[in-house]
Amino acid sequence: MFEQIKLYISNKWEKLYPLLFSSMICLLLYFFKDNEIIDKCYYKCFDKTFISALVTAESIVFGFLLTTMVTLMQLNNSAIKNLIDTNRFPELIQYNKTAVIYSFLSVILTCVLLLTLEIQIPYYNIFVAIWIFVMNMVIFLSYRFLNIFYSFLKR
């Protein structure tokens, strides 16, 4: 009984921590937006060169996530067979799918941000908040999937 409860909590935590941490980071940035350090980072990060580098890095992460999924599908070890037997393989595919979707959305939002750096757009602060949230989600979702993926490569 205790083992089932532990597994249930572990599964819920695994699914929810990217959303919780991303939301927490965005809330902290909002509450401390008047802080001098955050203010300097905010203006230094919105440079055309930095945003272009972010687009490149995000595109690499996007491609890497797609490649790891193909690799995972081709693995034929006992860990993958166990996942398939316990019906957890679709869950792993869903983790990857979610990370890939957020990664693609992040590339799109960063491209829009790059194109609108010199233009005043309405609701710019809301757009930046959404962009920061999506960027954080990509980090945590990618970490979640890659952490599980590399545990299968070890076996």
N, C-alpha and C. Protein backbone atom coordinates (compact mmCIF):
# COMPACT_ATOMS: atom_id res chain seq x y z
N MET A 1 0.82 -1.20 0.00
CA MET A 1 0.00 0.00 0.00
C MET A 1 0.87 1.27 0.00
N PHE A 2 1.86 1.28 0.90
CA PHE A 2 2.75 2.44 0.99
C PHE A 2 3.53 2.63 -0.31
N GLU A 3 3.91 1.54 -0.93
CA GLU A 3 4.66 1.60 -2.19
C GLU A 3 3.81 2.22 -3.31
N GLN A 4 2.52 1.90 -3.34
CA GLN A 4 1.62 2.47 -4.34
C GLN A 4 1.43 3.96 -4.14
N ILE A 5 1.32 4.38 -2.90
CA ILE A 5 1.17 5.81 -2.60
C ILE A 5 2.44 6.55 -3.00
N LYS A 6 3.59 5.96 -2.69
CA LYS A 6 4.87 6.56 -3.06
C LYS A 6 5.00 6.69 -4.57
N LEU A 7 4.59 5.66 -5.30
CA LEU A 7 4.64 5.68 -6.77
C LEU A 7 3.67 6.72 -7.33
N TYR A 8 2.48 6.84 -6.74
CA TYR A 8 1.49 7.83 -7.17
C TYR A 8 2.03 9.26 -7.00
N ILE A 9 2.60 9.52 -5.82
CA ILE A 9 3.15 10.86 -5.56
C ILE A 9 4.32 11.14 -6.49
N SER A 10 5.16 10.15 -6.72
CA SER A 10 6.30 10.30 -7.61
C SER A 10 5.83 10.62 -9.04
N ASN A 11 4.81 9.92 -9.51
CA ASN A 11 4.28 10.19 -10.85
C ASN A 11 3.68 11.58 -10.96
N LYS A 12 2.94 12.00 -9.94
CA LYS A 12 2.35 13.35 -9.96
C LYS A 12 3.43 14.42 -9.94
N TRP A 13 4.45 14.21 -9.11
CA TRP A 13 5.55 15.18 -9.03
C TRP A 13 6.26 15.27 -10.38
N GLU A 14 6.51 14.12 -10.98
CA GLU A 14 7.19 14.06 -12.27
C GLU A 14 6.42 14.84 -13.34
N LYS A 15 5.11 14.77 -13.28
CA LYS A 15 4.30 15.46 -14.28
C LYS A 15 4.16 16.96 -14.00
N LEU A 16 4.14 17.34 -12.72
CA LEU A 16 3.81 18.72 -12.37
C LEU A 16 4.99 19.64 -12.11
N TYR A 17 6.18 19.09 -11.82
CA TYR A 17 7.25 20.00 -11.42
C TYR A 17 7.68 20.97 -12.51
N PRO A 18 7.64 20.64 -13.81
CA PRO A 18 8.00 21.68 -14.78
C PRO A 18 7.06 22.90 -14.72
N LEU A 19 5.79 22.63 -14.58
CA LEU A 19 4.81 23.72 -14.50
C LEU A 19 4.98 24.52 -13.20
N LEU A 20 5.18 23.81 -12.09
CA LEU A 20 5.34 24.50 -10.81
C LEU A 20 6.59 25.37 -10.77
N PHE A 21 7.72 24.83 -11.22
CA PHE A 21 8.96 25.59 -11.19
C PHE A 21 8.92 26.77 -12.16
N SER A 22 8.36 26.56 -13.33
CA SER A 22 8.27 27.66 -14.31
C SER A 22 7.38 28.77 -13.79
N SER A 23 6.27 28.40 -13.20
CA SER A 23 5.36 29.41 -12.62
C SER A 23 6.04 30.15 -11.47
N MET A 24 6.76 29.40 -10.64
CA MET A 24 7.44 30.01 -9.50
C MET A 24 8.51 31.01 -9.97
N ILE A 25 9.27 30.65 -10.98
CA ILE A 25 10.30 31.56 -11.50
C ILE A 25 9.66 32.83 -12.06
N CYS A 26 8.57 32.67 -12.80
CA CYS A 26 7.89 33.85 -13.37
C CYS A 26 7.32 34.74 -12.26
N LEU A 27 6.76 34.13 -11.23
CA LEU A 27 6.24 34.92 -10.12
C LEU A 27 7.36 35.65 -9.38
N LEU A 28 8.48 34.97 -9.16
CA LEU A 28 9.61 35.63 -8.50
C LEU A 28 10.13 36.80 -9.34
N LEU A 29 10.22 36.59 -10.65
CA LEU A 29 10.67 37.69 -11.51
C LEU A 29 9.69 38.86 -11.47
N TYR A 30 8.40 38.55 -11.38
CA TYR A 30 7.40 39.62 -11.31
C TYR A 30 7.51 40.39 -9.99
N PHE A 31 7.62 39.65 -8.88
CA PHE A 31 7.67 40.32 -7.58
C PHE A 31 8.96 41.10 -7.37
N PHE A 32 10.04 40.65 -7.99
CA PHE A 32 11.32 41.33 -7.83
C PHE A 32 11.73 42.10 -9.08
N LYS A 33 10.75 42.51 -9.87
CA LYS A 33 11.04 43.21 -11.13
C LYS A 33 11.73 44.55 -10.91
N ASP A 34 11.57 45.15 -9.75
CA ASP A 34 12.21 46.43 -9.48
C ASP A 34 13.62 46.27 -8.92
N ASN A 35 14.05 45.04 -8.71
CA ASN A 35 15.39 44.78 -8.22
C ASN A 35 16.41 45.23 -9.27
N GLU A 36 17.48 45.84 -8.82
CA GLU A 36 18.49 46.40 -9.74
C GLU A 36 19.14 45.33 -10.61
N ILE A 37 19.46 44.19 -10.04
CA ILE A 37 20.12 43.11 -10.80
C ILE A 37 19.19 42.57 -11.88
N ILE A 38 17.94 42.31 -11.53
CA ILE A 38 16.98 41.79 -12.51
C ILE A 38 16.73 42.83 -13.60
N ASP A 39 16.67 44.08 -13.20
CA ASP A 39 16.45 45.15 -14.17
C ASP A 39 17.60 45.22 -15.18
N LYS A 40 18.84 45.11 -14.71
CA LYS A 40 19.99 45.14 -15.61
C LYS A 40 19.99 43.92 -16.53
N CYS A 41 19.68 42.75 -15.98
CA CYS A 41 19.62 41.53 -16.81
C CYS A 41 18.54 41.66 -17.87
N TYR A 42 17.42 42.24 -17.49
CA TYR A 42 16.31 42.40 -18.42
C TYR A 42 16.73 43.22 -19.64
N TYR A 43 17.44 44.30 -19.41
CA TYR A 43 17.83 45.16 -20.53
C TYR A 43 19.04 44.62 -21.29
N LYS A 44 19.93 43.92 -20.61
CA LYS A 44 21.10 43.36 -21.30
C LYS A 44 20.69 42.16 -22.16
N CYS A 45 19.69 41.41 -21.75
CA CYS A 45 19.27 40.22 -22.49
C CYS A 45 18.53 40.56 -23.77
N PHE A 46 17.94 41.72 -23.83
CA PHE A 46 17.15 42.06 -25.01
C PHE A 46 18.01 42.79 -26.02
N ASP A 47 19.05 42.09 -26.43
CA ASP A 47 19.97 42.56 -27.44
C ASP A 47 19.80 41.64 -28.64
N LYS A 48 19.90 42.19 -29.83
CA LYS A 48 19.67 41.41 -31.05
C LYS A 48 20.60 40.20 -31.15
N THR A 49 21.85 40.37 -30.78
CA THR A 49 22.82 39.28 -30.85
C THR A 49 22.45 38.16 -29.88
N PHE A 50 22.08 38.53 -28.67
CA PHE A 50 21.72 37.53 -27.66
C PHE A 50 20.46 36.77 -28.06
N ILE A 51 19.47 37.48 -28.55
CA ILE A 51 18.22 36.83 -28.97
C ILE A 51 18.48 35.91 -30.17
N SER A 52 19.34 36.33 -31.09
CA SER A 52 19.69 35.47 -32.23
C SER A 52 20.37 34.19 -31.76
N ALA A 53 21.25 34.32 -30.78
CA ALA A 53 21.92 33.14 -30.22
C ALA A 53 20.91 32.22 -29.52
N LEU A 54 19.92 32.82 -28.89
CA LEU A 54 18.86 32.02 -28.25
C LEU A 54 18.07 31.23 -29.28
N VAL A 55 17.76 31.85 -30.40
CA VAL A 55 17.03 31.14 -31.46
C VAL A 55 17.84 29.93 -31.92
N THR A 56 19.13 30.12 -32.09
CA THR A 56 19.99 29.02 -32.51
C THR A 56 20.02 27.91 -31.47
N ALA A 57 20.21 28.28 -30.21
CA ALA A 57 20.26 27.28 -29.14
C ALA A 57 18.93 26.54 -29.01
N GLU A 58 17.82 27.27 -29.10
CA GLU A 58 16.51 26.62 -29.00
C GLU A 58 16.27 25.67 -30.17
N SER A 59 16.73 26.05 -31.34
CA SER A 59 16.57 25.17 -32.50
C SER A 59 17.38 23.90 -32.34
N ILE A 60 18.56 24.01 -31.75
CA ILE A 60 19.38 22.83 -31.48
C ILE A 60 18.69 21.91 -30.47
N VAL A 61 18.13 22.49 -29.43
CA VAL A 61 17.41 21.69 -28.42
C VAL A 61 16.22 21.00 -29.07
N PHE A 62 15.50 21.71 -29.91
CA PHE A 62 14.35 21.15 -30.62
C PHE A 62 14.77 19.94 -31.44
N GLY A 63 15.83 20.08 -32.22
CA GLY A 63 16.31 18.97 -33.03
C GLY A 63 16.83 17.82 -32.18
N PHE A 64 17.48 18.14 -31.09
CA PHE A 64 18.01 17.10 -30.21
C PHE A 64 16.89 16.28 -29.58
N LEU A 65 15.82 16.95 -29.17
CA LEU A 65 14.68 16.24 -28.58
C LEU A 65 14.05 15.29 -29.60
N LEU A 66 13.95 15.74 -30.83
CA LEU A 66 13.40 14.86 -31.87
C LEU A 66 14.32 13.66 -32.12
N THR A 67 15.62 13.90 -32.12
CA THR A 67 16.58 12.82 -32.34
C THR A 67 16.57 11.81 -31.21
N THR A 68 16.47 12.29 -29.97
CA THR A 68 16.44 11.35 -28.84
C THR A 68 15.21 10.46 -28.89
N MET A 69 14.11 11.00 -29.38
CA MET A 69 12.91 10.17 -29.48
C MET A 69 13.09 9.07 -30.51
N VAL A 70 13.70 9.38 -31.62
CA VAL A 70 13.96 8.36 -32.64
C VAL A 70 14.90 7.30 -32.08
N THR A 71 15.92 7.74 -31.36
CA THR A 71 16.86 6.80 -30.74
C THR A 71 16.15 5.91 -29.74
N LEU A 72 15.27 6.48 -28.96
CA LEU A 72 14.54 5.72 -27.96
C LEU A 72 13.65 4.66 -28.60
N MET A 73 13.05 5.01 -29.72
CA MET A 73 12.19 4.06 -30.42
C MET A 73 12.99 2.87 -30.95
N GLN A 74 14.27 3.08 -31.23
CA GLN A 74 15.09 2.02 -31.80
C GLN A 74 15.81 1.19 -30.75
N LEU A 75 15.84 1.65 -29.51
CA LEU A 75 16.47 0.86 -28.45
C LEU A 75 15.69 -0.42 -28.24
N ASN A 76 16.41 -1.47 -27.98
CA ASN A 76 15.75 -2.77 -27.79
C ASN A 76 16.33 -3.44 -26.55
N ASN A 77 16.41 -2.68 -25.44
CA ASN A 77 16.95 -3.28 -24.23
C ASN A 77 15.84 -3.64 -23.26
N SER A 78 16.20 -4.22 -22.15
CA SER A 78 15.21 -4.71 -21.19
C SER A 78 14.41 -3.58 -20.56
N ALA A 79 15.02 -2.42 -20.38
CA ALA A 79 14.29 -1.29 -19.78
C ALA A 79 13.14 -0.84 -20.68
N ILE A 80 13.39 -0.77 -21.97
CA ILE A 80 12.33 -0.37 -22.91
C ILE A 80 11.25 -1.44 -22.96
N LYS A 81 11.66 -2.70 -22.98
CA LYS A 81 10.67 -3.79 -22.99
C LYS A 81 9.82 -3.75 -21.73
N ASN A 82 10.44 -3.43 -20.60
CA ASN A 82 9.70 -3.30 -19.35
C ASN A 82 8.71 -2.15 -19.42
N LEU A 83 9.12 -1.03 -20.01
CA LEU A 83 8.21 0.11 -20.18
C LEU A 83 7.02 -0.25 -21.05
N ILE A 84 7.29 -0.98 -22.11
CA ILE A 84 6.21 -1.38 -23.02
C ILE A 84 5.27 -2.35 -22.31
N ASP A 85 5.84 -3.29 -21.54
CA ASP A 85 5.02 -4.28 -20.83
C ASP A 85 4.16 -3.63 -19.75
N THR A 86 4.66 -2.59 -19.11
CA THR A 86 3.90 -1.92 -18.05
C THR A 86 3.07 -0.75 -18.56
N ASN A 87 3.01 -0.58 -19.87
CA ASN A 87 2.22 0.49 -20.51
C ASN A 87 2.68 1.89 -20.11
N ARG A 88 3.97 2.07 -19.80
CA ARG A 88 4.49 3.40 -19.48
C ARG A 88 5.23 4.02 -20.67
N PHE A 89 5.42 3.25 -21.74
CA PHE A 89 6.11 3.78 -22.92
C PHE A 89 5.34 4.93 -23.56
N PRO A 90 4.00 4.83 -23.69
CA PRO A 90 3.26 5.99 -24.23
C PRO A 90 3.42 7.24 -23.36
N GLU A 91 3.57 7.05 -22.06
CA GLU A 91 3.79 8.18 -21.17
C GLU A 91 5.13 8.86 -21.47
N LEU A 92 6.15 8.05 -21.72
CA LEU A 92 7.46 8.60 -22.07
C LEU A 92 7.39 9.34 -23.40
N ILE A 93 6.67 8.78 -24.35
CA ILE A 93 6.49 9.45 -25.64
C ILE A 93 5.76 10.77 -25.44
N GLN A 94 4.77 10.79 -24.55
CA GLN A 94 4.04 12.02 -24.26
C GLN A 94 4.95 13.07 -23.62
N TYR A 95 5.87 12.64 -22.74
CA TYR A 95 6.83 13.57 -22.15
C TYR A 95 7.67 14.23 -23.25
N ASN A 96 8.12 13.42 -24.19
CA ASN A 96 8.92 13.95 -25.29
C ASN A 96 8.09 14.87 -26.16
N LYS A 97 6.87 14.46 -26.45
CA LYS A 97 5.99 15.26 -27.30
C LYS A 97 5.74 16.63 -26.67
N THR A 98 5.50 16.67 -25.38
CA THR A 98 5.27 17.93 -24.68
C THR A 98 6.51 18.81 -24.74
N ALA A 99 7.68 18.22 -24.51
CA ALA A 99 8.93 18.99 -24.57
C ALA A 99 9.17 19.52 -25.98
N VAL A 100 8.89 18.72 -27.00
CA VAL A 100 9.09 19.15 -28.39
C VAL A 100 8.13 20.30 -28.74
N ILE A 101 6.88 20.18 -28.32
CA ILE A 101 5.90 21.24 -28.62
C ILE A 101 6.30 22.56 -27.96
N TYR A 102 6.68 22.50 -26.68
CA TYR A 102 7.10 23.72 -26.00
C TYR A 102 8.39 24.27 -26.60
N SER A 103 9.27 23.39 -27.02
CA SER A 103 10.52 23.82 -27.65
C SER A 103 10.23 24.55 -28.96
N PHE A 104 9.33 24.00 -29.76
CA PHE A 104 8.95 24.64 -31.03
C PHE A 104 8.28 25.99 -30.76
N LEU A 105 7.40 26.03 -29.78
CA LEU A 105 6.74 27.29 -29.41
C LEU A 105 7.76 28.31 -28.94
N SER A 106 8.75 27.86 -28.22
CA SER A 106 9.79 28.76 -27.75
C SER A 106 10.58 29.35 -28.91
N VAL A 107 10.89 28.54 -29.92
CA VAL A 107 11.60 29.05 -31.11
C VAL A 107 10.74 30.12 -31.80
N ILE A 108 9.47 29.84 -31.95
CA ILE A 108 8.56 30.80 -32.61
C ILE A 108 8.49 32.11 -31.82
N LEU A 109 8.28 32.02 -30.51
CA LEU A 109 8.17 33.23 -29.69
C LEU A 109 9.46 34.04 -29.69
N THR A 110 10.59 33.35 -29.67
CA THR A 110 11.87 34.06 -29.69
C THR A 110 12.08 34.75 -31.04
N CYS A 111 11.67 34.11 -32.12
CA CYS A 111 11.75 34.76 -33.44
C CYS A 111 10.86 36.00 -33.49
N VAL A 112 9.68 35.91 -32.93
CA VAL A 112 8.78 37.07 -32.89
C VAL A 112 9.41 38.17 -32.04
N LEU A 113 10.00 37.78 -30.91
CA LEU A 113 10.66 38.76 -30.05
C LEU A 113 11.81 39.44 -30.80
N LEU A 114 12.57 38.66 -31.54
CA LEU A 114 13.68 39.22 -32.32
C LEU A 114 13.19 40.21 -33.37
N LEU A 115 12.07 39.89 -34.02
CA LEU A 115 11.53 40.77 -35.05
C LEU A 115 10.91 42.04 -34.49
N THR A 116 10.49 41.98 -33.22
CA THR A 116 9.79 43.14 -32.65
C THR A 116 10.64 43.92 -31.66
N LEU A 117 11.96 43.73 -31.67
CA LEU A 117 12.80 44.44 -30.71
C LEU A 117 12.72 45.96 -30.88
N GLU A 118 12.67 46.44 -32.10
CA GLU A 118 12.65 47.88 -32.32
C GLU A 118 11.24 48.45 -32.48
N ILE A 119 10.25 47.60 -32.44
CA ILE A 119 8.87 48.04 -32.65
C ILE A 119 8.13 48.00 -31.30
N GLN A 120 7.36 49.01 -31.05
CA GLN A 120 6.52 49.01 -29.85
C GLN A 120 5.24 48.23 -30.16
N ILE A 121 5.10 47.08 -29.53
CA ILE A 121 3.88 46.30 -29.74
C ILE A 121 3.01 46.41 -28.49
N PRO A 122 1.69 46.34 -28.66
CA PRO A 122 0.82 46.40 -27.49
C PRO A 122 1.00 45.14 -26.64
N TYR A 123 0.87 45.32 -25.34
CA TYR A 123 0.97 44.22 -24.38
C TYR A 123 2.34 43.53 -24.43
N TYR A 124 3.38 44.32 -24.65
CA TYR A 124 4.74 43.79 -24.77
C TYR A 124 5.16 43.05 -23.49
N ASN A 125 4.84 43.60 -22.32
CA ASN A 125 5.23 42.97 -21.06
C ASN A 125 4.56 41.60 -20.89
N ILE A 126 3.33 41.49 -21.33
CA ILE A 126 2.64 40.20 -21.25
C ILE A 126 3.30 39.20 -22.20
N PHE A 127 3.67 39.67 -23.38
CA PHE A 127 4.37 38.80 -24.34
C PHE A 127 5.69 38.30 -23.76
N VAL A 128 6.44 39.19 -23.13
CA VAL A 128 7.72 38.80 -22.53
C VAL A 128 7.50 37.82 -21.39
N ALA A 129 6.46 38.02 -20.60
CA ALA A 129 6.16 37.10 -19.50
C ALA A 129 5.84 35.70 -20.04
N ILE A 130 5.05 35.65 -21.11
CA ILE A 130 4.72 34.36 -21.72
C ILE A 130 5.98 33.71 -22.29
N TRP A 131 6.83 34.52 -22.91
CA TRP A 131 8.08 34.02 -23.48
C TRP A 131 8.98 33.43 -22.39
N ILE A 132 9.12 34.13 -21.28
CA ILE A 132 9.94 33.64 -20.17
C ILE A 132 9.35 32.35 -19.60
N PHE A 133 8.03 32.30 -19.46
CA PHE A 133 7.39 31.09 -18.96
C PHE A 133 7.66 29.91 -19.89
N VAL A 134 7.48 30.11 -21.19
CA VAL A 134 7.71 29.02 -22.16
C VAL A 134 9.17 28.59 -22.15
N MET A 135 10.08 29.55 -22.06
CA MET A 135 11.51 29.20 -22.00
C MET A 135 11.81 28.34 -20.77
N ASN A 136 11.24 28.69 -19.64
CA ASN A 136 11.44 27.89 -18.43
C ASN A 136 10.81 26.51 -18.57
N MET A 137 9.64 26.45 -19.17
CA MET A 137 9.00 25.15 -19.39
C MET A 137 9.87 24.26 -20.26
N VAL A 138 10.47 24.83 -21.30
CA VAL A 138 11.35 24.05 -22.18
C VAL A 138 12.51 23.47 -21.38
N ILE A 139 13.09 24.28 -20.52
CA ILE A 139 14.22 23.81 -19.71
C ILE A 139 13.80 22.64 -18.83
N PHE A 140 12.72 22.79 -18.11
CA PHE A 140 12.30 21.74 -17.18
C PHE A 140 11.73 20.51 -17.89
N LEU A 141 10.98 20.72 -18.96
CA LEU A 141 10.44 19.58 -19.71
C LEU A 141 11.56 18.79 -20.39
N SER A 142 12.53 19.50 -20.93
CA SER A 142 13.66 18.82 -21.57
C SER A 142 14.46 18.06 -20.53
N TYR A 143 14.67 18.67 -19.38
CA TYR A 143 15.40 17.98 -18.31
C TYR A 143 14.66 16.72 -17.90
N ARG A 144 13.34 16.82 -17.73
CA ARG A 144 12.55 15.66 -17.31
C ARG A 144 12.70 14.51 -18.31
N PHE A 145 12.53 14.82 -19.58
CA PHE A 145 12.62 13.77 -20.59
C PHE A 145 14.04 13.20 -20.68
N LEU A 146 15.05 14.08 -20.73
CA LEU A 146 16.42 13.61 -20.90
C LEU A 146 16.90 12.83 -19.68
N ASN A 147 16.45 13.20 -18.51
CA ASN A 147 16.80 12.45 -17.30
C ASN A 147 16.29 11.01 -17.40
N ILE A 148 15.07 10.85 -17.85
CA ILE A 148 14.50 9.51 -18.02
C ILE A 148 15.20 8.79 -19.18
N PHE A 149 15.44 9.49 -20.27
CA PHE A 149 16.08 8.91 -21.45
C PHE A 149 17.46 8.35 -21.11
N TYR A 150 18.27 9.13 -20.41
CA TYR A 150 19.62 8.66 -20.10
C TYR A 150 19.62 7.54 -19.09
N SER A 151 18.60 7.46 -18.26
CA SER A 151 18.52 6.33 -17.33
C SER A 151 18.30 5.02 -18.12
N PHE A 152 17.64 5.10 -19.27
CA PHE A 152 17.45 3.91 -20.08
C PHE A 152 18.71 3.53 -20.85
N LEU A 153 19.51 4.52 -21.19
CA LEU A 153 20.75 4.22 -21.89
C LEU A 153 21.76 3.52 -20.98
N LYS A 154 21.67 3.79 -19.68
CA LYS A 154 22.58 3.16 -18.73
C LYS A 154 22.30 1.67 -18.58
N ARG A 155 21.05 1.30 -18.72
CA ARG A 155 20.67 -0.10 -18.46
C ARG A 155 21.07 -1.02 -19.57
